[in-house]
Amino acid sequence: MFTRVRAVWRDALALLFALGDRRTPAGAKLLAALALGYALLPLDLLPDLTPVLGLADDALVVPGLLALAARTLPGDVLNSARGRSLRVQRRLPWLVPALVLVLLIGMVLLGWALWRALGS
């Protein structure tokens, strides 16, 4: 599973680098921005509180959007962006676990806040 998360992280970071590349066409930039926005924003097609489907939405839609956006990039741009992404990951190997931990803490705090709000 960690390998899968690492691949999604690599593609997300590569798309972020590709957004700043002048060689990236406007359509590819738009799709990459939409994929990254969906991945980062708390808005989902199916809310995370929906049992099973809410989390499946994130597990299937986000990697799918990132892969689709990566396919729209020119090959040289994608290779360059993935190279930059791998260099960042090698220099900051703690970044992915730290982001996962921050997301988990955020989900716990959100759940606690909802429980408090609904319990009152």
N, C-alpha and C. Protein backbone atom coordinates (compact mmCIF):
# COMPACT_ATOMS: atom_id res chain seq x y z
N MET A 1 0.83 -1.19 0.00
CA MET A 1 0.00 0.00 0.00
C MET A 1 0.87 1.26 0.00
N PHE A 2 1.97 1.22 0.77
CA PHE A 2 2.82 2.40 0.84
C PHE A 2 3.44 2.72 -0.52
N THR A 3 3.70 1.69 -1.32
CA THR A 3 4.22 1.90 -2.66
C THR A 3 3.20 2.63 -3.51
N ARG A 4 1.94 2.28 -3.35
CA ARG A 4 0.85 2.94 -4.10
C ARG A 4 0.74 4.41 -3.69
N VAL A 5 0.81 4.69 -2.39
CA VAL A 5 0.75 6.06 -1.91
C VAL A 5 1.95 6.85 -2.45
N ARG A 6 3.10 6.23 -2.46
CA ARG A 6 4.30 6.89 -2.96
C ARG A 6 4.16 7.24 -4.45
N ALA A 7 3.55 6.33 -5.24
CA ALA A 7 3.35 6.60 -6.67
C ALA A 7 2.36 7.74 -6.88
N VAL A 8 1.29 7.75 -6.09
CA VAL A 8 0.31 8.85 -6.21
C VAL A 8 0.96 10.16 -5.81
N TRP A 9 1.75 10.15 -4.74
CA TRP A 9 2.45 11.35 -4.30
C TRP A 9 3.41 11.83 -5.37
N ARG A 10 4.16 10.89 -5.99
CA ARG A 10 5.10 11.24 -7.06
C ARG A 10 4.38 11.92 -8.21
N ASP A 11 3.24 11.36 -8.62
CA ASP A 11 2.49 11.95 -9.73
C ASP A 11 1.89 13.30 -9.35
N ALA A 12 1.40 13.42 -8.13
CA ALA A 12 0.82 14.70 -7.70
C ALA A 12 1.90 15.78 -7.67
N LEU A 13 3.05 15.44 -7.13
CA LEU A 13 4.14 16.42 -7.09
C LEU A 13 4.64 16.74 -8.50
N ALA A 14 4.69 15.72 -9.36
CA ALA A 14 5.10 15.96 -10.74
C ALA A 14 4.11 16.88 -11.46
N LEU A 15 2.82 16.69 -11.22
CA LEU A 15 1.83 17.58 -11.83
C LEU A 15 1.99 19.00 -11.33
N LEU A 16 2.31 19.14 -10.07
CA LEU A 16 2.54 20.48 -9.53
C LEU A 16 3.72 21.15 -10.23
N PHE A 17 4.79 20.40 -10.44
CA PHE A 17 5.94 20.94 -11.16
C PHE A 17 5.59 21.23 -12.62
N ALA A 18 4.76 20.38 -13.23
CA ALA A 18 4.38 20.56 -14.63
C ALA A 18 3.52 21.80 -14.82
N LEU A 19 2.76 22.18 -13.79
CA LEU A 19 1.94 23.39 -13.90
C LEU A 19 2.80 24.64 -14.14
N GLY A 20 3.99 24.64 -13.57
CA GLY A 20 4.87 25.80 -13.72
C GLY A 20 5.76 25.75 -14.95
N ASP A 21 5.67 24.68 -15.73
CA ASP A 21 6.51 24.52 -16.92
C ASP A 21 5.86 25.21 -18.11
N ARG A 22 6.63 26.04 -18.81
CA ARG A 22 6.09 26.77 -19.97
C ARG A 22 5.73 25.84 -21.13
N ARG A 23 6.32 24.66 -21.16
CA ARG A 23 6.06 23.72 -22.26
C ARG A 23 4.73 22.98 -22.10
N THR A 24 4.08 23.11 -20.96
CA THR A 24 2.83 22.42 -20.70
C THR A 24 1.69 23.16 -21.39
N PRO A 25 0.91 22.48 -22.26
CA PRO A 25 -0.23 23.12 -22.93
C PRO A 25 -1.30 23.55 -21.93
N ALA A 26 -2.10 24.52 -22.33
CA ALA A 26 -3.12 25.08 -21.44
C ALA A 26 -4.13 24.02 -21.02
N GLY A 27 -4.57 23.15 -21.92
CA GLY A 27 -5.54 22.11 -21.57
C GLY A 27 -4.99 21.15 -20.53
N ALA A 28 -3.72 20.79 -20.68
CA ALA A 28 -3.09 19.89 -19.71
C ALA A 28 -2.93 20.59 -18.37
N LYS A 29 -2.62 21.88 -18.38
CA LYS A 29 -2.52 22.63 -17.13
C LYS A 29 -3.86 22.68 -16.42
N LEU A 30 -4.94 22.87 -17.18
CA LEU A 30 -6.26 22.93 -16.58
C LEU A 30 -6.63 21.59 -15.95
N LEU A 31 -6.41 20.49 -16.67
CA LEU A 31 -6.72 19.18 -16.12
C LEU A 31 -5.85 18.86 -14.91
N ALA A 32 -4.58 19.22 -14.96
CA ALA A 32 -3.69 18.98 -13.82
C ALA A 32 -4.14 19.81 -12.62
N ALA A 33 -4.52 21.05 -12.84
CA ALA A 33 -4.99 21.90 -11.74
C ALA A 33 -6.28 21.34 -11.13
N LEU A 34 -7.18 20.85 -11.99
CA LEU A 34 -8.42 20.26 -11.48
C LEU A 34 -8.13 18.99 -10.67
N ALA A 35 -7.24 18.15 -11.16
CA ALA A 35 -6.89 16.92 -10.44
C ALA A 35 -6.26 17.24 -9.10
N LEU A 36 -5.33 18.19 -9.08
CA LEU A 36 -4.69 18.56 -7.81
C LEU A 36 -5.68 19.22 -6.87
N GLY A 37 -6.55 20.06 -7.42
CA GLY A 37 -7.56 20.70 -6.59
C GLY A 37 -8.48 19.70 -5.94
N TYR A 38 -8.94 18.71 -6.71
CA TYR A 38 -9.82 17.68 -6.15
C TYR A 38 -9.09 16.88 -5.08
N ALA A 39 -7.81 16.62 -5.31
CA ALA A 39 -7.03 15.84 -4.34
C ALA A 39 -6.81 16.62 -3.05
N LEU A 40 -6.62 17.93 -3.15
CA LEU A 40 -6.26 18.71 -1.97
C LEU A 40 -7.45 19.35 -1.24
N LEU A 41 -8.50 19.68 -1.98
CA LEU A 41 -9.63 20.34 -1.35
C LEU A 41 -10.49 19.35 -0.58
N PRO A 42 -11.14 19.81 0.45
CA PRO A 42 -11.97 18.89 1.26
C PRO A 42 -13.30 18.53 0.59
N LEU A 43 -13.60 19.08 -0.57
CA LEU A 43 -14.85 18.77 -1.27
C LEU A 43 -14.70 17.45 -2.02
N ASP A 44 -15.70 16.58 -1.91
CA ASP A 44 -15.67 15.28 -2.55
C ASP A 44 -16.98 15.04 -3.28
N LEU A 45 -16.95 14.13 -4.25
CA LEU A 45 -18.20 13.70 -4.89
C LEU A 45 -19.08 12.98 -3.88
N LEU A 46 -18.46 12.13 -3.09
CA LEU A 46 -19.15 11.42 -2.02
C LEU A 46 -18.48 11.81 -0.70
N PRO A 47 -19.23 12.36 0.24
CA PRO A 47 -18.60 12.77 1.51
C PRO A 47 -17.92 11.60 2.20
N ASP A 48 -16.83 11.89 2.90
CA ASP A 48 -16.07 10.85 3.59
C ASP A 48 -16.88 10.19 4.70
N LEU A 49 -17.93 10.84 5.16
CA LEU A 49 -18.74 10.26 6.22
C LEU A 49 -19.66 9.16 5.69
N THR A 50 -19.84 9.08 4.36
CA THR A 50 -20.62 8.00 3.77
C THR A 50 -19.83 6.71 3.94
N PRO A 51 -20.40 5.70 4.60
CA PRO A 51 -19.63 4.47 4.86
C PRO A 51 -19.09 3.85 3.58
N VAL A 52 -17.87 3.46 3.60
CA VAL A 52 -17.11 2.78 2.56
C VAL A 52 -17.00 3.61 1.28
N LEU A 53 -18.10 4.08 0.74
CA LEU A 53 -18.06 4.81 -0.53
C LEU A 53 -17.32 6.13 -0.43
N GLY A 54 -17.39 6.79 0.70
CA GLY A 54 -16.71 8.08 0.86
C GLY A 54 -15.20 7.94 0.76
N LEU A 55 -14.65 6.89 1.37
CA LEU A 55 -13.22 6.66 1.29
C LEU A 55 -12.82 6.04 -0.05
N ALA A 56 -13.71 5.21 -0.62
CA ALA A 56 -13.43 4.62 -1.93
C ALA A 56 -13.35 5.71 -2.99
N ASP A 57 -14.14 6.75 -2.81
CA ASP A 57 -14.09 7.90 -3.71
C ASP A 57 -12.67 8.46 -3.76
N ASP A 58 -12.06 8.67 -2.61
CA ASP A 58 -10.70 9.21 -2.56
C ASP A 58 -9.68 8.21 -3.07
N ALA A 59 -9.90 6.94 -2.78
CA ALA A 59 -8.94 5.91 -3.17
C ALA A 59 -8.97 5.61 -4.66
N LEU A 60 -10.09 5.88 -5.33
CA LEU A 60 -10.21 5.58 -6.76
C LEU A 60 -10.17 6.82 -7.63
N VAL A 61 -10.92 7.85 -7.25
CA VAL A 61 -11.06 9.03 -8.10
C VAL A 61 -9.76 9.84 -8.14
N VAL A 62 -9.16 10.08 -7.00
CA VAL A 62 -7.96 10.92 -6.96
C VAL A 62 -6.81 10.32 -7.78
N PRO A 63 -6.43 9.03 -7.57
CA PRO A 63 -5.37 8.47 -8.42
C PRO A 63 -5.75 8.44 -9.90
N GLY A 64 -7.04 8.20 -10.17
CA GLY A 64 -7.49 8.19 -11.57
C GLY A 64 -7.36 9.54 -12.23
N LEU A 65 -7.75 10.58 -11.52
CA LEU A 65 -7.62 11.94 -12.06
C LEU A 65 -6.15 12.32 -12.25
N LEU A 66 -5.32 11.96 -11.28
CA LEU A 66 -3.90 12.27 -11.40
C LEU A 66 -3.28 11.54 -12.59
N ALA A 67 -3.64 10.28 -12.78
CA ALA A 67 -3.11 9.51 -13.92
C ALA A 67 -3.60 10.08 -15.24
N LEU A 68 -4.87 10.46 -15.30
CA LEU A 68 -5.41 11.06 -16.53
C LEU A 68 -4.71 12.38 -16.84
N ALA A 69 -4.51 13.18 -15.83
CA ALA A 69 -3.83 14.46 -16.03
C ALA A 69 -2.39 14.23 -16.48
N ALA A 70 -1.72 13.23 -15.92
CA ALA A 70 -0.33 12.93 -16.31
C ALA A 70 -0.26 12.48 -17.77
N ARG A 71 -1.28 11.78 -18.24
CA ARG A 71 -1.30 11.32 -19.64
C ARG A 71 -1.44 12.47 -20.63
N THR A 72 -2.03 13.58 -20.19
CA THR A 72 -2.22 14.71 -21.11
C THR A 72 -0.96 15.55 -21.27
N LEU A 73 0.02 15.32 -20.40
CA LEU A 73 1.25 16.11 -20.48
C LEU A 73 2.16 15.58 -21.59
N PRO A 74 2.89 16.47 -22.24
CA PRO A 74 3.90 16.00 -23.20
C PRO A 74 4.94 15.14 -22.48
N GLY A 75 5.49 14.15 -23.16
CA GLY A 75 6.41 13.20 -22.55
C GLY A 75 7.62 13.85 -21.91
N ASP A 76 8.22 14.84 -22.59
CA ASP A 76 9.42 15.47 -22.04
C ASP A 76 9.10 16.27 -20.78
N VAL A 77 7.92 16.90 -20.75
CA VAL A 77 7.51 17.65 -19.57
C VAL A 77 7.26 16.70 -18.40
N LEU A 78 6.57 15.59 -18.67
CA LEU A 78 6.27 14.62 -17.62
C LEU A 78 7.55 14.00 -17.07
N ASN A 79 8.48 13.63 -17.94
CA ASN A 79 9.74 13.04 -17.47
C ASN A 79 10.54 14.03 -16.63
N SER A 80 10.58 15.28 -17.07
CA SER A 80 11.29 16.31 -16.31
C SER A 80 10.64 16.53 -14.95
N ALA A 81 9.30 16.60 -14.94
CA ALA A 81 8.58 16.84 -13.69
C ALA A 81 8.73 15.65 -12.73
N ARG A 82 8.68 14.43 -13.27
CA ARG A 82 8.86 13.25 -12.41
C ARG A 82 10.28 13.20 -11.85
N GLY A 83 11.26 13.61 -12.64
CA GLY A 83 12.63 13.66 -12.14
C GLY A 83 12.76 14.64 -10.98
N ARG A 84 12.16 15.81 -11.14
CA ARG A 84 12.18 16.80 -10.04
C ARG A 84 11.47 16.26 -8.81
N SER A 85 10.35 15.57 -9.04
CA SER A 85 9.59 14.99 -7.94
C SER A 85 10.42 13.96 -7.19
N LEU A 86 11.12 13.09 -7.91
CA LEU A 86 11.95 12.08 -7.26
C LEU A 86 13.11 12.71 -6.48
N ARG A 87 13.68 13.78 -7.01
CA ARG A 87 14.76 14.46 -6.28
C ARG A 87 14.25 15.05 -4.97
N VAL A 88 13.05 15.63 -5.00
CA VAL A 88 12.48 16.18 -3.77
C VAL A 88 12.20 15.06 -2.77
N GLN A 89 11.68 13.94 -3.26
CA GLN A 89 11.38 12.82 -2.36
C GLN A 89 12.64 12.24 -1.75
N ARG A 90 13.73 12.23 -2.49
CA ARG A 90 14.99 11.71 -1.94
C ARG A 90 15.56 12.65 -0.87
N ARG A 91 15.40 13.95 -1.09
CA ARG A 91 15.92 14.90 -0.12
C ARG A 91 15.04 15.00 1.11
N LEU A 92 13.74 14.77 0.94
CA LEU A 92 12.80 14.90 2.06
C LEU A 92 12.00 13.62 2.23
N PRO A 93 12.64 12.51 2.63
CA PRO A 93 11.91 11.24 2.72
C PRO A 93 10.84 11.24 3.81
N TRP A 94 10.90 12.15 4.72
CA TRP A 94 9.92 12.21 5.80
C TRP A 94 8.66 12.95 5.39
N LEU A 95 8.66 13.59 4.22
CA LEU A 95 7.55 14.44 3.82
C LEU A 95 6.24 13.67 3.64
N VAL A 96 6.27 12.53 2.96
CA VAL A 96 5.04 11.76 2.73
C VAL A 96 4.46 11.26 4.05
N PRO A 97 5.26 10.61 4.93
CA PRO A 97 4.67 10.19 6.21
C PRO A 97 4.14 11.37 7.03
N ALA A 98 4.82 12.50 6.97
CA ALA A 98 4.36 13.67 7.72
C ALA A 98 3.02 14.16 7.17
N LEU A 99 2.87 14.19 5.86
CA LEU A 99 1.60 14.62 5.27
C LEU A 99 0.47 13.64 5.63
N VAL A 100 0.76 12.35 5.60
CA VAL A 100 -0.25 11.35 5.97
C VAL A 100 -0.65 11.55 7.44
N LEU A 101 0.32 11.79 8.31
CA LEU A 101 0.03 12.02 9.71
C LEU A 101 -0.83 13.26 9.90
N VAL A 102 -0.50 14.33 9.20
CA VAL A 102 -1.29 15.57 9.30
C VAL A 102 -2.72 15.33 8.82
N LEU A 103 -2.89 14.58 7.73
CA LEU A 103 -4.23 14.27 7.25
C LEU A 103 -5.02 13.44 8.25
N LEU A 104 -4.36 12.46 8.85
CA LEU A 104 -5.04 11.64 9.85
C LEU A 104 -5.45 12.46 11.07
N ILE A 105 -4.58 13.32 11.52
CA ILE A 105 -4.91 14.18 12.66
C ILE A 105 -6.07 15.10 12.30
N GLY A 106 -6.05 15.63 11.09
CA GLY A 106 -7.14 16.49 10.63
C GLY A 106 -8.47 15.75 10.58
N MET A 107 -8.45 14.51 10.11
CA MET A 107 -9.68 13.72 10.06
C MET A 107 -10.20 13.43 11.46
N VAL A 108 -9.29 13.12 12.39
CA VAL A 108 -9.70 12.86 13.77
C VAL A 108 -10.30 14.12 14.38
N LEU A 109 -9.66 15.25 14.18
CA LEU A 109 -10.19 16.51 14.72
C LEU A 109 -11.53 16.88 14.11
N LEU A 110 -11.68 16.64 12.81
CA LEU A 110 -12.96 16.91 12.16
C LEU A 110 -14.04 15.99 12.71
N GLY A 111 -13.72 14.71 12.88
CA GLY A 111 -14.68 13.77 13.46
C GLY A 111 -15.06 14.16 14.87
N TRP A 112 -14.07 14.57 15.65
CA TRP A 112 -14.34 15.00 17.03
C TRP A 112 -15.25 16.23 17.04
N ALA A 113 -14.95 17.19 16.15
CA ALA A 113 -15.77 18.42 16.10
C ALA A 113 -17.21 18.11 15.68
N LEU A 114 -17.37 17.20 14.73
CA LEU A 114 -18.72 16.82 14.32
C LEU A 114 -19.44 16.09 15.44
N TRP A 115 -18.74 15.21 16.13
CA TRP A 115 -19.35 14.49 17.24
C TRP A 115 -19.80 15.46 18.33
N ARG A 116 -18.96 16.45 18.63
CA ARG A 116 -19.32 17.45 19.63
C ARG A 116 -20.51 18.29 19.17
N ALA A 117 -20.50 18.67 17.88
CA ALA A 117 -21.59 19.50 17.37
C ALA A 117 -22.91 18.75 17.34
N LEU A 118 -22.88 17.49 16.97
CA LEU A 118 -24.11 16.70 16.91
C LEU A 118 -24.56 16.23 18.28
N GLY A 119 -23.62 16.11 19.21
CA GLY A 119 -23.95 15.65 20.56
C GLY A 119 -24.56 16.74 21.42
N SER A 120 -24.37 17.98 21.08
CA SER A 120 -24.88 19.09 21.90
C SER A 120 -26.34 19.34 21.70
